[in-house]
Structures are given as structure tokens and as C-alpha cells.
C-alpha atoms as a PDB file:
ATOM      1  CA  MET A   1      40.619  41.390  39.069  1.00  0.00           C
ATOM      2  CA  ILE A   2      37.405  43.265  38.292  1.00  0.00           C
ATOM      3  CA  ARG A   3      35.087  43.738  41.277  1.00  0.00           C
ATOM      4  CA  ILE A   4      31.905  45.772  40.887  1.00  0.00           C
ATOM      5  CA  GLN A   5      30.224  47.368  43.885  1.00  0.00           C
ATOM      6  CA  LEU A   6      26.467  47.965  43.567  1.00  0.00           C
ATOM      7  CA  ASN A   7      24.200  50.016  45.784  1.00  0.00           C
ATOM      8  CA  GLN A   8      20.565  49.034  46.290  1.00  0.00           C
ATOM      9  CA  GLU A   9      19.234  51.280  43.508  1.00  0.00           C
ATOM     10  CA  GLU A  10      21.804  50.053  40.961  1.00  0.00           C
ATOM     11  CA  ARG A  11      20.932  46.467  41.769  1.00  0.00           C
ATOM     12  CA  LYS A  12      17.201  47.183  41.243  1.00  0.00           C
ATOM     13  CA  GLN A  13      17.962  48.834  37.899  1.00  0.00           C
ATOM     14  CA  LEU A  14      19.884  45.775  36.748  1.00  0.00           C
ATOM     15  CA  GLU A  15      17.081  43.459  37.851  1.00  0.00           C
ATOM     16  CA  ARG A  16      14.534  45.536  35.902  1.00  0.00           C
ATOM     17  CA  PHE A  17      16.869  45.594  32.925  1.00  0.00           C
ATOM     18  CA  ARG A  18      17.079  41.799  33.012  1.00  0.00           C
ATOM     19  CA  LYS A  19      13.289  41.408  32.914  1.00  0.00           C
ATOM     20  CA  GLN A  20      12.691  43.986  30.163  1.00  0.00           C
ATOM     21  CA  SER A  21      15.596  43.219  27.832  1.00  0.00           C
ATOM     22  CA  SER A  22      16.367  40.550  25.277  1.00  0.00           C
ATOM     23  CA  SER A  23      17.979  37.309  26.409  1.00  0.00           C
ATOM     24  CA  LYS A  24      21.461  38.534  25.393  1.00  0.00           C
ATOM     25  CA  ASN A  25      21.187  41.827  27.283  1.00  0.00           C
ATOM     26  CA  SER A  26      19.660  40.011  30.227  1.00  0.00           C
ATOM     27  CA  GLU A  27      22.699  37.744  30.336  1.00  0.00           C
ATOM     28  CA  LYS A  28      25.018  40.760  30.430  1.00  0.00           C
ATOM     29  CA  ALA A  29      23.144  42.176  33.424  1.00  0.00           C
ATOM     30  CA  LEU A  30      23.407  38.762  35.104  1.00  0.00           C
ATOM     31  CA  MET A  31      27.197  38.862  34.656  1.00  0.00           C
ATOM     32  CA  VAL A  32      27.327  42.202  36.473  1.00  0.00           C
ATOM     33  CA  LEU A  33      25.106  40.960  39.318  1.00  0.00           C
ATOM     34  CA  MET A  34      27.135  37.775  39.693  1.00  0.00           C
ATOM     35  CA  ASN A  35      30.365  39.785  39.863  1.00  0.00           C
ATOM     36  CA  ALA A  36      28.850  42.087  42.483  1.00  0.00           C
ATOM     37  CA  ASP A  37      28.024  38.938  44.495  1.00  0.00           C
ATOM     38  CA  GLY A  38      31.720  38.034  44.582  1.00  0.00           C
ATOM     39  CA  ASN A  39      32.166  35.825  41.499  1.00  0.00           C
ATOM     40  CA  SER A  40      35.263  36.300  39.365  1.00  0.00           C
ATOM     41  CA  ALA A  41      35.083  36.659  35.589  1.00  0.00           C
ATOM     42  CA  GLN A  42      36.421  33.120  35.195  1.00  0.00           C
ATOM     43  CA  ILE A  43      33.718  31.602  37.418  1.00  0.00           C
ATOM     44  CA  ILE A  44      30.992  33.656  35.692  1.00  0.00           C
ATOM     45  CA  ALA A  45      32.268  32.472  32.295  1.00  0.00           C
ATOM     46  CA  GLN A  46      31.988  28.841  33.395  1.00  0.00           C
ATOM     47  CA  LYS A  47      28.438  29.290  34.696  1.00  0.00           C
ATOM     48  CA  VAL A  48      27.035  31.190  31.700  1.00  0.00           C
ATOM     49  CA  LYS A  49      29.187  29.221  29.227  1.00  0.00           C
ATOM     50  CA  ARG A  50      30.919  32.268  27.761  1.00  0.00           C
ATOM     51  CA  ASN A  51      34.556  33.164  27.214  1.00  0.00           C
ATOM     52  CA  ALA A  52      36.148  34.874  30.209  1.00  0.00           C
ATOM     53  CA  HIS A  53      37.375  37.653  27.916  1.00  0.00           C
ATOM     54  CA  THR A  54      33.745  38.351  26.880  1.00  0.00           C
ATOM     55  CA  VAL A  55      32.672  38.525  30.528  1.00  0.00           C
ATOM     56  CA  ARG A  56      35.471  40.959  31.387  1.00  0.00           C
ATOM     57  CA  MET A  57      34.547  43.136  28.386  1.00  0.00           C
ATOM     58  CA  TRP A  58      30.921  43.571  29.572  1.00  0.00           C
ATOM     59  CA  LEU A  59      31.985  44.157  33.165  1.00  0.00           C
ATOM     60  CA  LYS A  60      34.340  46.917  32.005  1.00  0.00           C
ATOM     61  CA  ARG A  61      31.625  48.445  29.816  1.00  0.00           C
ATOM     62  CA  TYR A  62      29.262  48.530  32.778  1.00  0.00           C
ATOM     63  CA  LEU A  63      31.906  50.228  34.906  1.00  0.00           C
ATOM     64  CA  ALA A  64      32.467  52.807  32.155  1.00  0.00           C
ATOM     65  CA  LYS A  65      28.889  53.519  31.014  1.00  0.00           C
ATOM     66  CA  GLY A  66      26.509  51.819  33.428  1.00  0.00           C
ATOM     67  CA  ILE A  67      23.451  50.030  31.998  1.00  0.00           C
ATOM     68  CA  ALA A  68      23.867  51.953  28.729  1.00  0.00           C
ATOM     69  CA  GLY A  69      27.103  50.035  28.193  1.00  0.00           C
ATOM     70  CA  LEU A  70      25.171  46.753  28.169  1.00  0.00           C
ATOM     71  CA  GLU A  71      22.805  47.844  25.397  1.00  0.00           C
ATOM     72  CA  ARG A  72      23.305  46.575  21.887  1.00  0.00           C
ATOM     73  CA  GLN A  73      25.253  49.138  19.897  1.00  0.00           C
ATOM     74  CA  GLN A  74      23.901  49.748  16.396  1.00  0.00           C
ATOM     75  CA  PRO A  75      26.692  50.554  13.921  1.00  0.00           C
ATOM     76  CA  PRO A  76      26.237  53.926  12.165  1.00  0.00           C
ATOM     77  CA  GLY A  77      26.070  54.486   8.413  1.00  0.00           C
ATOM     78  CA  ARG A  78      24.963  52.217   5.608  1.00  0.00           C
ATOM     79  CA  PRO A  79      23.415  49.316   7.624  1.00  0.00           C
ATOM     80  CA  ARG A  80      20.768  51.705   9.002  1.00  0.00           C
ATOM     81  CA  GLN A  81      20.012  53.007   5.508  1.00  0.00           C
ATOM     82  CA  LYS A  82      19.843  49.413   4.298  1.00  0.00           C
ATOM     83  CA  ARG A  83      17.263  48.517   6.964  1.00  0.00           C
ATOM     84  CA  GLU A  84      15.172  51.590   6.162  1.00  0.00           C
ATOM     85  CA  SER A  85      15.251  50.762   2.458  1.00  0.00           C
ATOM     86  CA  SER A  86      14.263  47.144   3.022  1.00  0.00           C
ATOM     87  CA  ASN A  87      11.463  48.148   5.412  1.00  0.00           C
ATOM     88  CA  GLN A  88       9.997  50.537   2.840  1.00  0.00           C
ATOM     89  CA  LEU A  89      10.146  47.863   0.133  1.00  0.00           C
ATOM     90  CA  ILE A  90       8.558  45.285   2.448  1.00  0.00           C
ATOM     91  CA  LYS A  91       5.745  47.712   3.297  1.00  0.00           C
ATOM     92  CA  GLU A  92       4.954  48.176  -0.389  1.00  0.00           C
ATOM     93  CA  LEU A  93       5.435  44.479  -1.135  1.00  0.00           C
ATOM     94  CA  LEU A  94       2.859  43.260   1.381  1.00  0.00           C
ATOM     95  CA  THR A  95       0.110  45.243  -0.311  1.00  0.00           C
ATOM     96  CA  LYS A  96       0.431  42.897  -3.302  1.00  0.00           C
ATOM     97  CA  SER A  97       0.251  39.165  -3.865  1.00  0.00           C
ATOM     98  CA  PRO A  98       3.421  37.127  -4.544  1.00  0.00           C
ATOM     99  CA  GLN A  99       1.666  35.867  -7.677  1.00  0.00           C
ATOM    100  CA  GLU A 100       1.936  39.363  -9.166  1.00  0.00           C
ATOM    101  CA  PHE A 101       5.702  38.762  -9.183  1.00  0.00           C
ATOM    102  CA  ASN A 102       5.396  35.296 -10.773  1.00  0.00           C
ATOM    103  CA  TYR A 103       5.718  33.389  -7.491  1.00  0.00           C
ATOM    104  CA  PRO A 104       3.369  30.383  -7.081  1.00  0.00           C
ATOM    105  CA  ASP A 105       2.748  31.206  -3.407  1.00  0.00           C
ATOM    106  CA  ALA A 106      -0.451  32.941  -2.281  1.00  0.00           C
ATOM    107  CA  VAL A 107       1.065  34.777   0.710  1.00  0.00           C
ATOM    108  CA  TRP A 108       4.453  36.200   1.639  1.00  0.00           C
ATOM    109  CA  SER A 109       6.893  34.282   3.821  1.00  0.00           C
ATOM    110  CA  ILE A 110      10.285  35.364   5.197  1.00  0.00           C
ATOM    111  CA  PRO A 111      12.337  33.325   2.645  1.00  0.00           C
ATOM    112  CA  LEU A 112      10.129  34.638  -0.176  1.00  0.00           C
ATOM    113  CA  ILE A 113      10.549  38.279   0.884  1.00  0.00           C
ATOM    114  CA  ARG A 114      14.273  37.730   1.260  1.00  0.00           C
ATOM    115  CA  HIS A 115      14.530  36.210  -2.220  1.00  0.00           C
ATOM    116  CA  TYR A 116      12.542  39.051  -3.772  1.00  0.00           C
ATOM    117  CA  LEU A 117      14.637  41.792  -2.137  1.00  0.00           C
ATOM    118  CA  GLN A 118      17.859  40.222  -3.329  1.00  0.00           C
ATOM    119  CA  ALA A 119      16.687  39.216  -6.817  1.00  0.00           C
ATOM    120  CA  SER A 120      14.796  42.406  -7.675  1.00  0.00           C
ATOM    121  CA  HIS A 121      16.634  45.107  -5.696  1.00  0.00           C
ATOM    122  CA  GLY A 122      20.039  43.626  -4.902  1.00  0.00           C
ATOM    123  CA  LEU A 123      19.392  43.914  -1.141  1.00  0.00           C
ATOM    124  CA  LYS A 124      20.927  41.052   0.795  1.00  0.00           C
ATOM    125  CA  VAL A 125      19.285  41.053   4.243  1.00  0.00           C
ATOM    126  CA  SER A 126      19.062  38.418   6.945  1.00  0.00           C
ATOM    127  CA  LYS A 127      15.910  36.649   8.119  1.00  0.00           C
ATOM    128  CA  ASP A 128      16.187  38.427  11.488  1.00  0.00           C
ATOM    129  CA  THR A 129      16.315  41.839   9.795  1.00  0.00           C
ATOM    130  CA  ILE A 130      13.158  41.073   7.817  1.00  0.00           C
ATOM    131  CA  THR A 131      11.387  39.743  10.914  1.00  0.00           C
ATOM    132  CA  ARG A 132      12.239  42.872  12.922  1.00  0.00           C
ATOM    133  CA  GLY A 133      11.160  45.060  10.018  1.00  0.00           C
ATOM    134  CA  LEU A 134       7.792  43.314   9.761  1.00  0.00           C
ATOM    135  CA  LYS A 135       7.145  43.710  13.473  1.00  0.00           C
ATOM    136  CA  ASN A 136       8.145  47.385  13.375  1.00  0.00           C
ATOM    137  CA  LEU A 137       5.681  47.892  10.516  1.00  0.00           C
ATOM    138  CA  GLY A 138       2.889  46.411  12.646  1.00  0.00           C
ATOM    139  CA  TYR A 139       2.689  42.960  11.072  1.00  0.00           C
ATOM    140  CA  SER A 140       2.454  39.630  12.873  1.00  0.00           C
ATOM    141  CA  TYR A 141       2.809  36.078  11.602  1.00  0.00           C
ATOM    142  CA  LYS A 142      -0.568  34.408  11.230  1.00  0.00           C
ATOM    143  CA  ARG A 143      -0.744  30.644  11.553  1.00  0.00           C
ATOM    144  CA  PRO A 144      -3.157  28.628   9.368  1.00  0.00           C
ATOM    145  CA  SER A 145      -6.650  30.052   9.732  1.00  0.00           C
ATOM    146  CA  GLN A 146      -9.867  30.281   7.758  1.00  0.00           C
ATOM    147  CA  THR A 147     -10.281  33.156   5.362  1.00  0.00           C
ATOM    148  CA  VAL A 148     -12.412  33.959   2.327  1.00  0.00           C
ATOM    149  CA  PRO A 149     -10.440  34.845  -0.830  1.00  0.00           C
ATOM    150  CA  PRO A 150     -11.300  38.308  -2.234  1.00  0.00           C
ATOM    151  CA  GLN A 151     -12.449  36.827  -5.564  1.00  0.00           C
ATOM    152  CA  ALA A 152     -14.973  34.475  -3.921  1.00  0.00           C
ATOM    153  CA  PRO A 153     -18.595  35.015  -5.084  1.00  0.00           C
ATOM    154  CA  SER A 154     -21.105  36.503  -2.678  1.00  0.00           C
ATOM    155  CA  ALA A 155     -23.950  34.493  -1.134  1.00  0.00           C
ATOM    156  CA  GLU A 156     -26.420  36.096  -3.533  1.00  0.00           C
ATOM    157  CA  GLU A 157     -24.271  35.252  -6.559  1.00  0.00           C
ATOM    158  CA  LYS A 158     -24.018  31.639  -5.380  1.00  0.00           C
ATOM    159  CA  LYS A 159     -27.792  31.460  -4.941  1.00  0.00           C
ATOM    160  CA  GLU A 160     -28.436  32.783  -8.451  1.00  0.00           C
ATOM    161  CA  ALA A 161     -25.900  30.334  -9.928  1.00  0.00           C
ATOM    162  CA  LYS A 162     -27.598  27.391  -8.177  1.00  0.00           C
ATOM    163  CA  ILE A 163     -31.051  28.432  -9.384  1.00  0.00           C
ATOM    164  CA  LYS A 164     -29.743  28.651 -12.946  1.00  0.00           C
ATOM    165  CA  MET A 165     -28.078  25.252 -12.550  1.00  0.00           C
ATOM    166  CA  ILE A 166     -31.313  23.629 -11.375  1.00  0.00           C
ATOM    167  CA  ASN A 167     -33.285  25.177 -14.241  1.00  0.00           C
ATOM    168  CA  ASP A 168     -30.747  23.933 -16.770  1.00  0.00           C
ATOM    169  CA  ILE A 169     -30.846  20.442 -15.254  1.00  0.00           C
ATOM    170  CA  GLU A 170     -34.652  20.379 -15.440  1.00  0.00           C
ATOM    171  CA  LYS A 171     -34.439  21.159 -19.153  1.00  0.00           C
ATOM    172  CA  LEU A 172     -31.831  18.459 -19.686  1.00  0.00           C
ATOM    173  CA  THR A 173     -33.887  15.766 -17.981  1.00  0.00           C
ATOM    174  CA  GLN A 174     -36.573  16.279 -20.635  1.00  0.00           C
ATOM    175  CA  ASP A 175     -34.057  15.233 -23.283  1.00  0.00           C
ATOM    176  CA  SER A 176     -34.123  11.504 -23.991  1.00  0.00           C
ATOM    177  CA  LEU A 177     -30.354  11.589 -24.546  1.00  0.00           C
ATOM    178  CA  CYS A 178     -29.732  12.722 -20.988  1.00  0.00           C
ATOM    179  CA  GLU A 179     -28.414  10.007 -18.701  1.00  0.00           C
ATOM    180  CA  ILE A 180     -27.606  10.110 -14.974  1.00  0.00           C
ATOM    181  CA  LEU A 181     -24.161   8.592 -14.679  1.00  0.00           C
ATOM    182  CA  PHE A 182     -24.150   8.252 -10.902  1.00  0.00           C
ATOM    183  CA  SER A 183     -25.910   9.347  -7.775  1.00  0.00           C
ATOM    184  CA  ASP A 184     -23.540   9.507  -4.892  1.00  0.00           C
ATOM    185  CA  GLU A 185     -23.324  11.434  -1.669  1.00  0.00           C
ATOM    186  CA  SER A 186     -20.173  13.351  -0.816  1.00  0.00           C
ATOM    187  CA  HIS A 187     -19.455  15.517   2.200  1.00  0.00           C
ATOM    188  CA  PHE A 188     -16.985  18.354   2.103  1.00  0.00           C
ATOM    189  CA  SER A 189     -16.496  21.625   3.895  1.00  0.00           C
ATOM    190  CA  THR A 190     -17.019  24.931   2.154  1.00  0.00           C
ATOM    191  CA  GLU A 191     -15.102  26.788   4.845  1.00  0.00           C
ATOM    192  CA  PRO A 192     -12.611  29.359   3.483  1.00  0.00           C
ATOM    193  CA  TYR A 193      -9.088  28.367   2.493  1.00  0.00           C
ATOM    194  CA  LEU A 194      -6.366  27.799   5.076  1.00  0.00           C
ATOM    195  CA  ILE A 195      -3.543  30.271   4.650  1.00  0.00           C
ATOM    196  CA  ARG A 196      -0.613  31.539   6.660  1.00  0.00           C
ATOM    197  CA  GLY A 197       1.775  34.433   6.294  1.00  0.00           C
ATOM    198  CA  TRP A 198       2.437  37.971   7.487  1.00  0.00           C
ATOM    199  CA  PHE A 199      -0.678  40.095   7.964  1.00  0.00           C
ATOM    200  CA  LYS A 200      -1.431  43.467   9.517  1.00  0.00           C
ATOM    201  CA  LYS A 201      -2.272  43.152  13.202  1.00  0.00           C
ATOM    202  CA  ARG A 202      -5.961  43.513  14.070  1.00  0.00           C
ATOM    203  CA  TRP A 203      -7.429  44.834  17.284  1.00  0.00           C
ATOM    204  CA  PRO A 204      -9.469  43.677  19.057  1.00  0.00           C
ATOM    205  CA  PRO A 205      -8.679  40.032  18.250  1.00  0.00           C
ATOM    206  CA  GLN A 206     -11.470  37.731  17.108  1.00  0.00           C
ATOM    207  CA  ASP A 207     -13.327  35.799  19.780  1.00  0.00           C
ATOM    208  CA  SER A 208     -12.793  32.093  19.074  1.00  0.00           C
ATOM    209  CA  ARG A 209     -15.931  31.216  21.070  1.00  0.00           C
ATOM    210  CA  PHE A 210     -18.157  32.562  18.307  1.00  0.00           C
ATOM    211  CA  GLN A 211     -17.164  30.762  15.139  1.00  0.00           C
ATOM    212  CA  LYS A 212     -19.413  29.917  12.240  1.00  0.00           C
ATOM    213  CA  LYS A 213     -20.744  26.387  12.041  1.00  0.00           C
ATOM    214  CA  ARG A 214     -19.599  24.163   9.222  1.00  0.00           C
ATOM    215  CA  THR A 215     -21.914  23.212   6.382  1.00  0.00           C
ATOM    216  CA  LEU A 216     -22.223  19.874   4.586  1.00  0.00           C
ATOM    217  CA  HIS A 217     -22.915  19.541   0.881  1.00  0.00           C
ATOM    218  CA  HIS A 218     -24.583  16.619  -0.937  1.00  0.00           C
ATOM    219  CA  VAL A 219     -23.410  16.576  -4.541  1.00  0.00           C
ATOM    220  CA  TRP A 220     -24.862  14.993  -7.669  1.00  0.00           C
ATOM    221  CA  LEU A 221     -23.415  15.096 -11.190  1.00  0.00           C
ATOM    222  CA  LEU A 222     -25.675  15.137 -14.258  1.00  0.00           C
ATOM    223  CA  LYS A 223     -23.947  14.834 -17.605  1.00  0.00           C
ATOM    224  CA  SER A 224     -25.015  14.731 -21.241  1.00  0.00           C
ATOM    225  CA  LYS A 225     -23.017  14.775 -24.431  1.00  0.00           C
ATOM    226  CA  LYS A 226     -22.802  18.569 -24.372  1.00  0.00           C
ATOM    227  CA  TRP A 227     -23.242  19.544 -20.744  1.00  0.00           C
ATOM    228  CA  ALA A 228     -22.125  18.530 -17.250  1.00  0.00           C
ATOM    229  CA  PHE A 229     -23.883  19.943 -14.193  1.00  0.00           C
ATOM    230  CA  LEU A 230     -23.115  19.678 -10.511  1.00  0.00           C
ATOM    231  CA  LEU A 231     -26.176  19.680  -8.240  1.00  0.00           C
ATOM    232  CA  GLU A 232     -25.656  20.260  -4.538  1.00  0.00           C
ATOM    233  CA  ALA A 233     -27.839  20.358  -1.449  1.00  0.00           C
ATOM    234  CA  ILE A 234     -26.598  22.320   1.558  1.00  0.00           C
ATOM    235  CA  GLN A 235     -27.118  21.080   5.096  1.00  0.00           C
ATOM    236  CA  ALA A 236     -26.119  23.180   8.101  1.00  0.00           C
ATOM    237  CA  GLY A 237     -23.700  21.400  10.476  1.00  0.00           C
END
């Protein structure tokens, strides 16, 4: 029977290790603490719902190497090179749009990155490996939020386009062939598109208390045999 004896400092180290580690490593530290409290490997296995052989293995590793024996051991060799290669490819990939690689998506997702790495470079990596790589590169997953696409016209360009539209409509109304097909009022938001995906972390984060107000648009359509114009009036929300 394995029975671990802990002094006060060793117990504090294990408690700190539990709080700072992943759930799996935290569970290993709990096994050691439970054994030090007098629980056998069989009882620990029942409580944490693990095989008794697994519990004994981690208890023996702690006795042999201390807390270092509870850490996840990374296998040497090719897997590390594979991760480094995939991370470098991901870093370069996220500077471009998926549409440049004939994907219909506007932003990169984990399945999309995984498909690209395998299809284009023959790298077969798991979702967890890609997620860890993205976080190590300083990226975080951004849930749907408002953003302006880079190709969107500026406020000045929009203003000039509207002035030209109004001038063209004024000319058309002088033509006897011009007919107003309908006059209806529609309301829609001109807020930027909603997108989600992996983006570089920003600091400091945006303050959600100071968000731009929405705007409402009233739209009219004027159409002749040759031309169709959309007239809109903007009203601040």
C-alpha cells in the first residue's frame, strides 16, 4: 500500500499547484493530498472516478519526482516540430482572408484553419493544438461584434455619393418619362457587419459604456427606363 507523508510546506505547494494548474494536473495533486489524509488508492479512485492503477501511477510519480512528476510530460522529437510548423503557418495565415484561399468564409475558424493546414500542407493537427497555438501567438476568440469592413467608403465619400445621387434625381424628375414607382419608409441599421473569429488581442479593451448610437434611414426608390436611384434620409437614433 502506498502512503505518502507530507510536511506543512509540501502540503502548501500542492494546494498552490492545484489552484494554478489545469484541471487534470489539479486532480493529480488532489490524489496526493487525499492519500496523505489516509485514503487508499482504491478509495481515491472511487471518489475521483479514475482507475486505481492510474491513481497508483501518479502517487508513485509524486514520490519519485515531487510536483514535477505531476506535470504533463511533452514527448520529444517530431510532435514539437509539428506544433512549431503549424504555429508559424497559422501566424502567416491570419494576416490574410480565407477568401484569398477560395473559402466562402470572411474570417478564420478552428475547423477552417485545420482544413487548410491538412489540405495545403499535409499537417494533421487537432483542434486543441490549434487553439493552444492561437493563444500562444496572442490571439483570442472574438464573439459577434460590430466592425467596419476595410473596403467600406469613408463618411466623405458617402456624402459626395449622396449629393451626386440627389442631383441626378433632380434631373430625372424633369423628364416626363420619369415615374415614381413607390414611396415607402423603411428602417434599417447601418451599423458595421457582425463577425466572429480569431483576432489579435487588444489592450486596453473597449469601454462598452461609450458606444455609438444607431442611425435610422428613410429610403425612397426612383426609377426610369434607364436609371434607378435610391434616395435616403438619415436620422440619428
